[in-house]
Amino acid sequence: MVRAMAPGPLALHVFPSFETGGAQLRTARVIGGLDARLRHAILPLDGCTDARQFLPAEREVEFIEPPTRAGTVATARALVSLLRARRPDLLCTYNWGSTDAAIAGQLAGGLPHVHHEDGFGREELARPLRRRSIWRRIVLSSASALIVPSRRLEQVALENWRFPRRRVQLVPNGVDLPNYHPADGNPALRRELGIGRDAPVLGSVGGLRPEKNFGRLVEVFASLPPELGAHLVLVGDGVEREVLETRARRGPGGDRCHFVGLVRDPRPYYSLFDLFALTSDTEQMPLALVEAMASSLPAIASDVGDVRAILPPGSQERIVAPTAPDAVERLAAAAATLLGSPQMRRAQGAENRARVEERYSLAGMLKRYSELYGAALGPVKAAAAGLR
């Protein structure tokens, strides 16, 4: 008689929202890249599951209905009941909005816990809020690791939140470089969008949310010399889409602005772009920037988070503080220079791709996640989950 194999350990990922964003996309890659013996479930506290389309088809991932939000205490009680019933082997929480689940994990019997921080909302843009720093220190005290993707967040965790050095783990976001090919203009997609074969394309990928400040990018595009005949292509969706579209259509070159919405695979659009732009007010380690670099694209960017450390020396003069009074003018000047020079674009794009190959591989990221999740599970369950 053959005995059925026991199911592998279960990791429960608790997100404030499973909307489309960098943390959600990275988690999809982690789920697909770790051993299949580690099972996964996702609990989106606001009920949003938009990013589920990015999960690997070969993995069965359960989505759990969230409890009704009724204030911190009531929500934490409901989460305690849920965790006691499901009894995950590993609790993974994400960002400030999941701290109720961190509390619940402690009250449910001290579940093995790893917390992930990916950045701040606009309310913490100027400086960390003291009450949140104290609260994080309390509710995340049982987490075996606090994973951050940027040096800036590592510094905040150590100096403002006062986490022990041994628990703060810097794991940069990685991409699977062989899946990204040097941009070739994507002639078929150009024809579909009505963009001429030789027209320069300024593009970006991301959620159309206030902190991403795509309004600044619309201004940059409107400031480009008309004789360039450039096109603007924005890939993504969000609450600001209607306002941004209206603003772009009414500005200079409005008939050359293309809003394509959310796509499951943005790689064809990276191939379409000639220049990538990141104009956010706040970031830590923007995944879209790394993907664009992997596609051999040059970039202009806001000086936020780790952007200056991510981009190589040749791009430093094209990084501009978002608070600078002439930020739009300086970004537009950098964009005009690159869009007008195919030779400069090729050189900068090659340097960007080499940077990703050196520092931001998917394999390196997965190795660190396997180690950290395995350490939290302990040797027996880590072995059962196929983690190193």
Protein backbone atom coordinates (compact mmCIF):
# COMPACT_ATOMS: atom_id res chain seq x y z
CA MET A 1 0.00 0.00 0.00
CA VAL A 2 1.41 3.38 -1.04
CA ARG A 3 0.98 6.11 1.52
CA ALA A 4 -0.14 9.52 0.27
CA MET A 5 2.44 12.23 0.76
CA ALA A 6 1.59 14.81 3.39
CA PRO A 7 0.98 18.28 1.96
CA GLY A 8 3.97 20.60 2.11
CA PRO A 9 4.24 23.54 4.53
CA LEU A 10 1.88 26.46 3.92
CA ALA A 11 2.96 30.10 3.62
CA LEU A 12 0.16 32.62 4.16
CA HIS A 13 0.85 36.01 2.53
CA VAL A 14 -1.15 38.86 4.08
CA PHE A 15 -1.33 42.03 1.97
CA PRO A 16 -3.21 45.26 2.67
CA SER A 17 -4.31 44.82 -0.96
CA PHE A 18 -3.38 42.44 -3.75
CA GLU A 19 -3.65 45.27 -6.27
CA THR A 20 -1.11 45.40 -9.06
CA GLY A 21 2.14 46.77 -7.66
CA GLY A 22 5.81 45.98 -7.24
CA ALA A 23 5.47 43.93 -4.05
CA GLN A 24 2.67 41.83 -5.52
CA LEU A 25 4.55 41.20 -8.77
CA ARG A 26 7.70 40.24 -6.87
CA THR A 27 5.71 37.86 -4.67
CA ALA A 28 4.28 36.21 -7.78
CA ARG A 29 7.84 35.60 -8.98
CA VAL A 30 8.91 34.29 -5.57
CA ILE A 31 5.98 31.86 -5.51
CA GLY A 32 6.85 30.65 -8.99
CA GLY A 33 10.57 30.44 -8.29
CA LEU A 34 10.61 28.60 -4.96
CA ASP A 35 10.16 24.86 -4.69
CA ALA A 36 6.60 23.72 -5.48
CA ARG A 37 6.45 21.79 -2.21
CA LEU A 38 5.95 25.09 -0.37
CA ARG A 39 2.22 25.84 -0.67
CA HIS A 40 0.89 29.40 -0.75
CA ALA A 41 -2.29 31.23 0.21
CA ILE A 42 -2.96 34.96 -0.09
CA LEU A 43 -5.14 37.05 2.19
CA PRO A 44 -5.83 40.54 0.74
CA LEU A 45 -7.24 42.57 3.62
CA ASP A 46 -9.24 44.88 1.33
CA GLY A 47 -10.51 42.01 -0.84
CA CYS A 48 -8.72 43.25 -3.98
CA THR A 49 -7.18 40.45 -6.06
CA ASP A 50 -6.29 42.34 -9.26
CA ALA A 51 -2.71 41.04 -9.29
CA ARG A 52 -3.73 37.37 -9.20
CA GLN A 53 -3.40 37.32 -13.00
CA PHE A 54 0.38 37.60 -12.55
CA LEU A 55 0.66 34.44 -10.44
CA PRO A 56 2.31 31.50 -12.21
CA ALA A 57 -0.26 29.21 -13.82
CA GLU A 58 1.62 26.12 -12.65
CA ARG A 59 1.12 26.99 -8.96
CA GLU A 60 -2.14 26.54 -7.08
CA VAL A 61 -2.54 29.59 -4.86
CA GLU A 62 -5.56 29.89 -2.60
CA PHE A 63 -7.18 33.27 -1.97
CA ILE A 64 -8.77 33.68 1.45
CA GLU A 65 -11.76 35.93 2.06
CA PRO A 66 -10.75 38.72 4.48
CA PRO A 67 -12.64 39.43 7.69
CA THR A 68 -14.74 42.57 7.90
CA ARG A 69 -12.66 45.61 8.79
CA ALA A 70 -13.99 46.89 12.12
CA GLY A 71 -11.09 48.69 13.76
CA THR A 72 -7.73 47.35 14.87
CA VAL A 73 -8.89 45.33 17.89
CA ALA A 74 -11.93 43.72 16.25
CA THR A 75 -10.02 43.01 13.05
CA ALA A 76 -7.12 41.50 14.97
CA ARG A 77 -9.54 39.19 16.82
CA ALA A 78 -11.08 38.03 13.56
CA LEU A 79 -7.61 37.45 12.14
CA VAL A 80 -6.58 35.47 15.25
CA SER A 81 -9.55 33.15 14.69
CA LEU A 82 -8.67 32.78 11.02
CA LEU A 83 -5.00 32.02 11.76
CA ARG A 84 -5.88 29.51 14.47
CA ALA A 85 -8.21 27.74 12.06
CA ARG A 86 -5.79 27.71 9.11
CA ARG A 87 -2.59 27.33 11.12
CA PRO A 88 -0.10 28.34 8.41
CA ASP A 89 3.49 27.20 8.83
CA LEU A 90 4.80 30.63 7.83
CA LEU A 91 3.12 34.03 8.10
CA CYS A 92 4.32 36.61 5.57
CA THR A 93 3.12 40.17 6.08
CA TYR A 94 3.60 43.14 3.79
CA ASN A 95 3.91 46.84 4.60
CA TRP A 96 2.21 49.01 7.20
CA GLY A 97 -1.30 47.92 6.27
CA SER A 98 -0.74 44.32 7.40
CA THR A 99 0.33 45.01 10.97
CA ASP A 100 -3.04 43.76 12.28
CA ALA A 101 -2.08 40.35 10.92
CA ALA A 102 1.33 40.57 12.62
CA ILE A 103 -0.45 41.13 15.96
CA ALA A 104 -2.80 38.26 15.22
CA GLY A 105 0.12 35.97 14.45
CA GLN A 106 1.52 36.57 17.92
CA LEU A 107 -1.86 36.05 19.60
CA ALA A 108 -2.54 32.90 17.57
CA GLY A 109 0.38 31.13 19.19
CA GLY A 110 3.48 32.76 17.82
CA LEU A 111 3.48 31.71 14.17
CA PRO A 112 6.82 31.80 12.34
CA HIS A 113 6.76 35.24 10.77
CA VAL A 114 8.63 37.20 8.08
CA HIS A 115 7.68 40.82 7.40
CA HIS A 116 8.30 42.69 4.12
CA GLU A 117 8.49 46.47 3.77
CA ASP A 118 8.50 48.00 0.30
CA GLY A 119 8.02 51.71 0.85
CA PHE A 120 5.94 54.50 2.27
CA GLY A 121 2.65 56.12 1.46
CA ARG A 122 2.45 59.85 0.89
CA GLU A 123 1.75 60.37 4.61
CA GLU A 124 5.32 59.23 5.43
CA LEU A 125 6.98 60.83 2.43
CA ALA A 126 8.68 63.71 4.26
CA ARG A 127 9.78 61.68 7.29
CA PRO A 128 8.78 58.51 9.15
CA LEU A 129 5.90 58.99 11.58
CA ARG A 130 7.14 58.42 15.13
CA ARG A 131 4.01 56.60 16.29
CA ARG A 132 4.29 54.19 13.36
CA SER A 133 7.97 53.58 14.06
CA ILE A 134 7.14 52.66 17.66
CA TRP A 135 4.19 50.51 16.60
CA ARG A 136 6.27 48.63 14.04
CA ARG A 137 8.91 47.95 16.67
CA ILE A 138 6.26 46.45 18.96
CA VAL A 139 4.09 44.44 16.58
CA LEU A 140 6.95 43.12 14.45
CA SER A 141 9.09 42.11 17.42
CA SER A 142 8.48 38.41 16.81
CA ALA A 143 9.34 38.45 13.10
CA SER A 144 12.48 36.47 12.40
CA ALA A 145 13.31 38.77 9.49
CA LEU A 146 12.32 42.16 8.11
CA ILE A 147 12.99 42.04 4.36
CA VAL A 148 13.57 45.35 2.56
CA PRO A 149 14.52 45.89 -1.11
CA SER A 150 16.43 49.15 -0.76
CA ARG A 151 19.31 50.65 1.18
CA ARG A 152 17.09 53.59 2.11
CA LEU A 153 14.55 51.30 3.80
CA GLU A 154 17.36 49.36 5.45
CA GLN A 155 18.61 52.61 6.97
CA VAL A 156 15.11 53.58 8.14
CA ALA A 157 14.54 50.16 9.72
CA LEU A 158 17.82 50.36 11.62
CA GLU A 159 17.84 54.03 12.64
CA ASN A 160 14.17 55.03 12.92
CA TRP A 161 12.43 51.77 13.74
CA ARG A 162 15.47 50.51 15.69
CA PHE A 163 15.32 46.94 14.52
CA PRO A 164 18.30 44.72 15.40
CA ARG A 165 20.88 44.51 12.62
CA ARG A 166 20.63 40.71 12.43
CA ARG A 167 16.90 40.84 11.62
CA VAL A 168 17.00 43.47 8.86
CA GLN A 169 17.68 41.77 5.53
CA LEU A 170 18.36 43.72 2.34
CA VAL A 171 17.16 41.71 -0.66
CA PRO A 172 17.07 43.75 -3.89
CA ASN A 173 14.34 42.96 -6.40
CA GLY A 174 15.58 40.75 -9.21
CA VAL A 175 14.52 40.00 -12.78
CA ASP A 176 15.02 36.96 -15.00
CA LEU A 177 17.41 38.59 -17.46
CA PRO A 178 17.13 35.94 -20.23
CA ASN A 179 13.42 36.80 -20.50
CA TYR A 180 14.20 40.43 -21.34
CA HIS A 181 15.56 41.25 -24.76
CA PRO A 182 17.11 44.50 -26.02
CA ALA A 183 14.44 46.91 -27.20
CA ASP A 184 13.97 46.68 -30.97
CA GLY A 185 11.14 49.19 -31.47
CA ASN A 186 8.52 46.41 -31.73
CA PRO A 187 7.28 47.30 -35.24
CA ALA A 188 4.06 45.27 -34.90
CA LEU A 189 3.04 47.11 -31.71
CA ARG A 190 3.96 50.44 -33.29
CA ARG A 191 1.59 49.71 -36.16
CA GLU A 192 -1.14 48.71 -33.72
CA LEU A 193 -0.79 52.00 -31.80
CA GLY A 194 -0.35 54.14 -34.90
CA ILE A 195 3.25 55.10 -34.10
CA GLY A 196 5.63 55.63 -37.00
CA ARG A 197 8.59 53.30 -37.42
CA ASP A 198 11.17 55.98 -36.61
CA ALA A 199 9.18 58.11 -34.14
CA PRO A 200 10.90 58.24 -30.72
CA VAL A 201 8.85 56.80 -27.85
CA LEU A 202 9.00 57.93 -24.23
CA GLY A 203 7.36 55.34 -22.01
CA SER A 204 6.67 54.18 -18.49
CA VAL A 205 5.03 51.26 -16.66
CA GLY A 206 3.24 51.45 -13.32
CA GLY A 207 0.07 52.02 -11.35
CA LEU A 208 -1.55 55.37 -12.14
CA ARG A 209 -1.65 56.44 -8.50
CA PRO A 210 -0.85 59.83 -6.92
CA GLU A 211 2.55 58.84 -5.48
CA LYS A 212 3.75 57.72 -8.94
CA ASN A 213 3.18 61.28 -10.21
CA PHE A 214 2.61 60.45 -13.85
CA GLY A 215 1.31 64.00 -14.08
CA ARG A 216 4.96 65.09 -13.95
CA LEU A 217 5.71 62.76 -16.87
CA VAL A 218 2.84 64.26 -18.86
CA GLU A 219 4.39 67.68 -18.22
CA VAL A 220 7.82 66.41 -19.30
CA PHE A 221 6.34 65.08 -22.54
CA ALA A 222 4.50 68.35 -23.20
CA SER A 223 7.82 70.21 -22.78
CA LEU A 224 9.66 68.21 -25.46
CA PRO A 225 10.58 70.02 -28.69
CA PRO A 226 7.69 69.56 -31.17
CA GLU A 227 10.10 68.75 -33.98
CA LEU A 228 11.04 65.50 -32.22
CA GLY A 229 7.57 64.13 -33.00
CA ALA A 230 7.85 61.92 -29.92
CA HIS A 231 5.07 59.68 -28.59
CA LEU A 232 4.19 59.02 -24.94
CA VAL A 233 3.10 55.49 -23.96
CA LEU A 234 1.88 54.73 -20.43
CA VAL A 235 1.29 51.11 -19.42
CA GLY A 236 -0.84 50.63 -16.32
CA ASP A 237 -4.12 51.55 -14.72
CA GLY A 238 -5.31 53.26 -11.57
CA VAL A 239 -7.40 55.96 -9.96
CA GLU A 240 -5.67 58.78 -11.82
CA ARG A 241 -6.07 57.41 -15.34
CA GLU A 242 -9.04 59.53 -16.39
CA VAL A 243 -7.49 62.76 -15.09
CA LEU A 244 -4.14 61.97 -16.70
CA GLU A 245 -5.70 61.10 -20.04
CA THR A 246 -7.70 64.32 -20.11
CA ARG A 247 -4.64 66.36 -19.17
CA ALA A 248 -2.44 64.67 -21.76
CA ARG A 249 -4.94 64.96 -24.59
CA ARG A 250 -5.37 68.69 -23.99
CA GLY A 251 -1.64 69.42 -23.91
CA PRO A 252 0.94 69.71 -26.68
CA GLY A 253 1.23 66.47 -28.63
CA GLY A 254 -2.00 65.17 -27.12
CA ASP A 255 -2.73 63.09 -30.23
CA ARG A 256 0.57 61.27 -29.62
CA CYS A 257 -0.28 60.10 -26.07
CA HIS A 258 -1.24 56.45 -25.64
CA PHE A 259 -2.76 54.97 -22.46
CA VAL A 260 -2.81 51.21 -22.95
CA GLY A 261 -4.08 50.13 -19.51
CA LEU A 262 -2.98 47.17 -17.42
CA VAL A 263 -1.22 44.35 -19.27
CA ARG A 264 -0.17 40.97 -17.91
CA ASP A 265 3.20 41.07 -19.65
CA PRO A 266 4.78 44.51 -20.17
CA ARG A 267 7.85 43.20 -22.00
CA PRO A 268 6.50 43.97 -25.50
CA TYR A 269 6.08 47.58 -24.40
CA TYR A 270 9.62 47.81 -23.09
CA SER A 271 10.66 46.68 -26.57
CA LEU A 272 8.55 49.49 -28.02
CA PHE A 273 10.10 52.24 -25.88
CA ASP A 274 13.18 54.24 -26.80
CA LEU A 275 13.46 55.82 -23.35
CA PHE A 276 12.03 54.85 -19.96
CA ALA A 277 10.90 57.47 -17.45
CA LEU A 278 10.31 57.17 -13.71
CA THR A 279 8.77 60.35 -12.26
CA SER A 280 7.54 59.13 -8.86
CA ASP A 281 7.48 61.20 -5.68
CA THR A 282 8.35 58.11 -3.64
CA GLU A 283 9.91 54.73 -4.46
CA GLN A 284 12.34 52.34 -2.85
CA MET A 285 13.55 49.87 -5.47
CA PRO A 286 11.22 50.29 -8.46
CA LEU A 287 10.84 46.97 -10.27
CA ALA A 288 9.73 48.64 -13.52
CA LEU A 289 13.00 50.56 -13.67
CA VAL A 290 15.02 47.35 -13.32
CA GLU A 291 12.88 45.66 -15.99
CA ALA A 292 13.47 48.60 -18.34
CA MET A 293 17.21 48.40 -17.70
CA ALA A 294 17.11 44.66 -18.41
CA SER A 295 15.52 45.58 -21.75
CA SER A 296 18.58 47.73 -22.58
CA LEU A 297 16.66 50.97 -22.25
CA PRO A 298 18.19 54.26 -21.10
CA ALA A 299 16.29 56.06 -18.35
CA ILE A 300 15.48 59.42 -16.83
CA ALA A 301 14.31 59.35 -13.23
CA SER A 302 13.33 61.07 -10.01
CA ASP A 303 15.97 60.95 -7.29
CA VAL A 304 13.94 58.79 -4.86
CA GLY A 305 14.71 55.69 -2.84
CA ASP A 306 17.62 53.71 -4.28
CA VAL A 307 17.26 55.00 -7.85
CA ARG A 308 20.66 56.71 -7.82
CA ALA A 309 22.33 53.51 -6.58
CA ILE A 310 20.46 51.34 -9.09
CA LEU A 311 21.39 53.31 -12.19
CA PRO A 312 25.02 53.17 -13.40
CA PRO A 313 27.43 56.14 -13.55
CA GLY A 314 26.43 57.16 -17.07
CA SER A 315 22.87 57.90 -15.96
CA GLN A 316 23.58 59.98 -12.86
CA GLU A 317 23.12 63.36 -14.56
CA ARG A 318 19.64 62.30 -15.68
CA ILE A 319 18.39 61.75 -12.12
CA VAL A 320 16.53 64.78 -10.75
CA ALA A 321 15.16 65.53 -7.28
CA PRO A 322 11.34 65.55 -7.53
CA THR A 323 11.21 68.61 -5.27
CA ALA A 324 13.52 70.66 -7.50
CA PRO A 325 11.65 73.72 -8.84
CA ASP A 326 12.99 72.99 -12.34
CA ALA A 327 12.48 69.19 -12.18
CA VAL A 328 10.21 69.08 -15.23
CA GLU A 329 12.54 71.25 -17.31
CA ARG A 330 15.63 69.19 -16.40
CA LEU A 331 13.92 65.86 -17.06
CA ALA A 332 12.56 67.17 -20.37
CA ALA A 333 16.03 68.35 -21.41
CA ALA A 334 17.52 64.94 -20.59
CA ALA A 335 14.71 63.20 -22.46
CA ALA A 336 15.12 65.42 -25.52
CA THR A 337 18.85 64.74 -25.65
CA LEU A 338 18.41 60.96 -25.50
CA LEU A 339 15.41 60.79 -27.81
CA GLY A 340 17.39 62.75 -30.36
CA SER A 341 20.46 60.49 -30.23
CA PRO A 342 20.12 56.76 -31.05
CA GLN A 343 23.84 56.31 -30.38
CA MET A 344 23.57 57.69 -26.82
CA ARG A 345 20.51 55.54 -26.20
CA ARG A 346 22.31 52.38 -27.29
CA ALA A 347 25.34 53.10 -25.13
CA GLN A 348 23.31 53.94 -22.03
CA GLY A 349 20.96 51.00 -22.58
CA ALA A 350 23.88 48.57 -22.81
CA GLU A 351 25.34 49.94 -19.56
CA ASN A 352 21.96 49.57 -17.85
CA ARG A 353 21.56 45.94 -18.91
CA ALA A 354 25.07 45.12 -17.71
CA ARG A 355 24.17 46.66 -14.33
CA VAL A 356 21.15 44.36 -13.98
CA GLU A 357 23.20 41.32 -14.94
CA GLU A 358 25.76 42.19 -12.28
CA ARG A 359 23.46 43.10 -9.39
CA TYR A 360 19.78 42.29 -9.86
CA SER A 361 19.33 38.69 -10.99
CA LEU A 362 16.18 36.73 -10.20
CA ALA A 363 18.28 33.74 -9.15
CA GLY A 364 20.08 35.79 -6.52
CA MET A 365 16.82 37.14 -5.13
CA LEU A 366 15.22 33.69 -4.97
CA LYS A 367 18.25 32.25 -3.18
CA ARG A 368 17.92 34.86 -0.42
CA TYR A 369 14.15 34.33 -0.06
CA SER A 370 14.67 30.58 0.15
CA GLU A 371 17.25 31.06 2.91
CA LEU A 372 15.14 33.52 4.91
CA TYR A 373 11.87 31.61 4.62
CA GLY A 374 13.72 28.39 5.41
CA ALA A 375 15.29 29.89 8.54
CA ALA A 376 11.86 31.04 9.75
CA LEU A 377 10.32 27.60 9.17
CA GLY A 378 13.12 25.71 10.90
CA PRO A 379 15.20 22.85 9.46
CA VAL A 380 12.50 20.14 9.37
CA LYS A 381 9.78 22.17 7.67
CA ALA A 382 12.31 23.95 5.45
CA ALA A 383 13.43 20.55 4.14
CA ALA A 384 9.80 19.54 3.60
CA ALA A 385 9.29 22.76 1.62
CA GLY A 386 12.40 22.20 -0.50
CA LEU A 387 14.05 25.38 0.81
CA ARG A 388 17.80 25.69 1.15
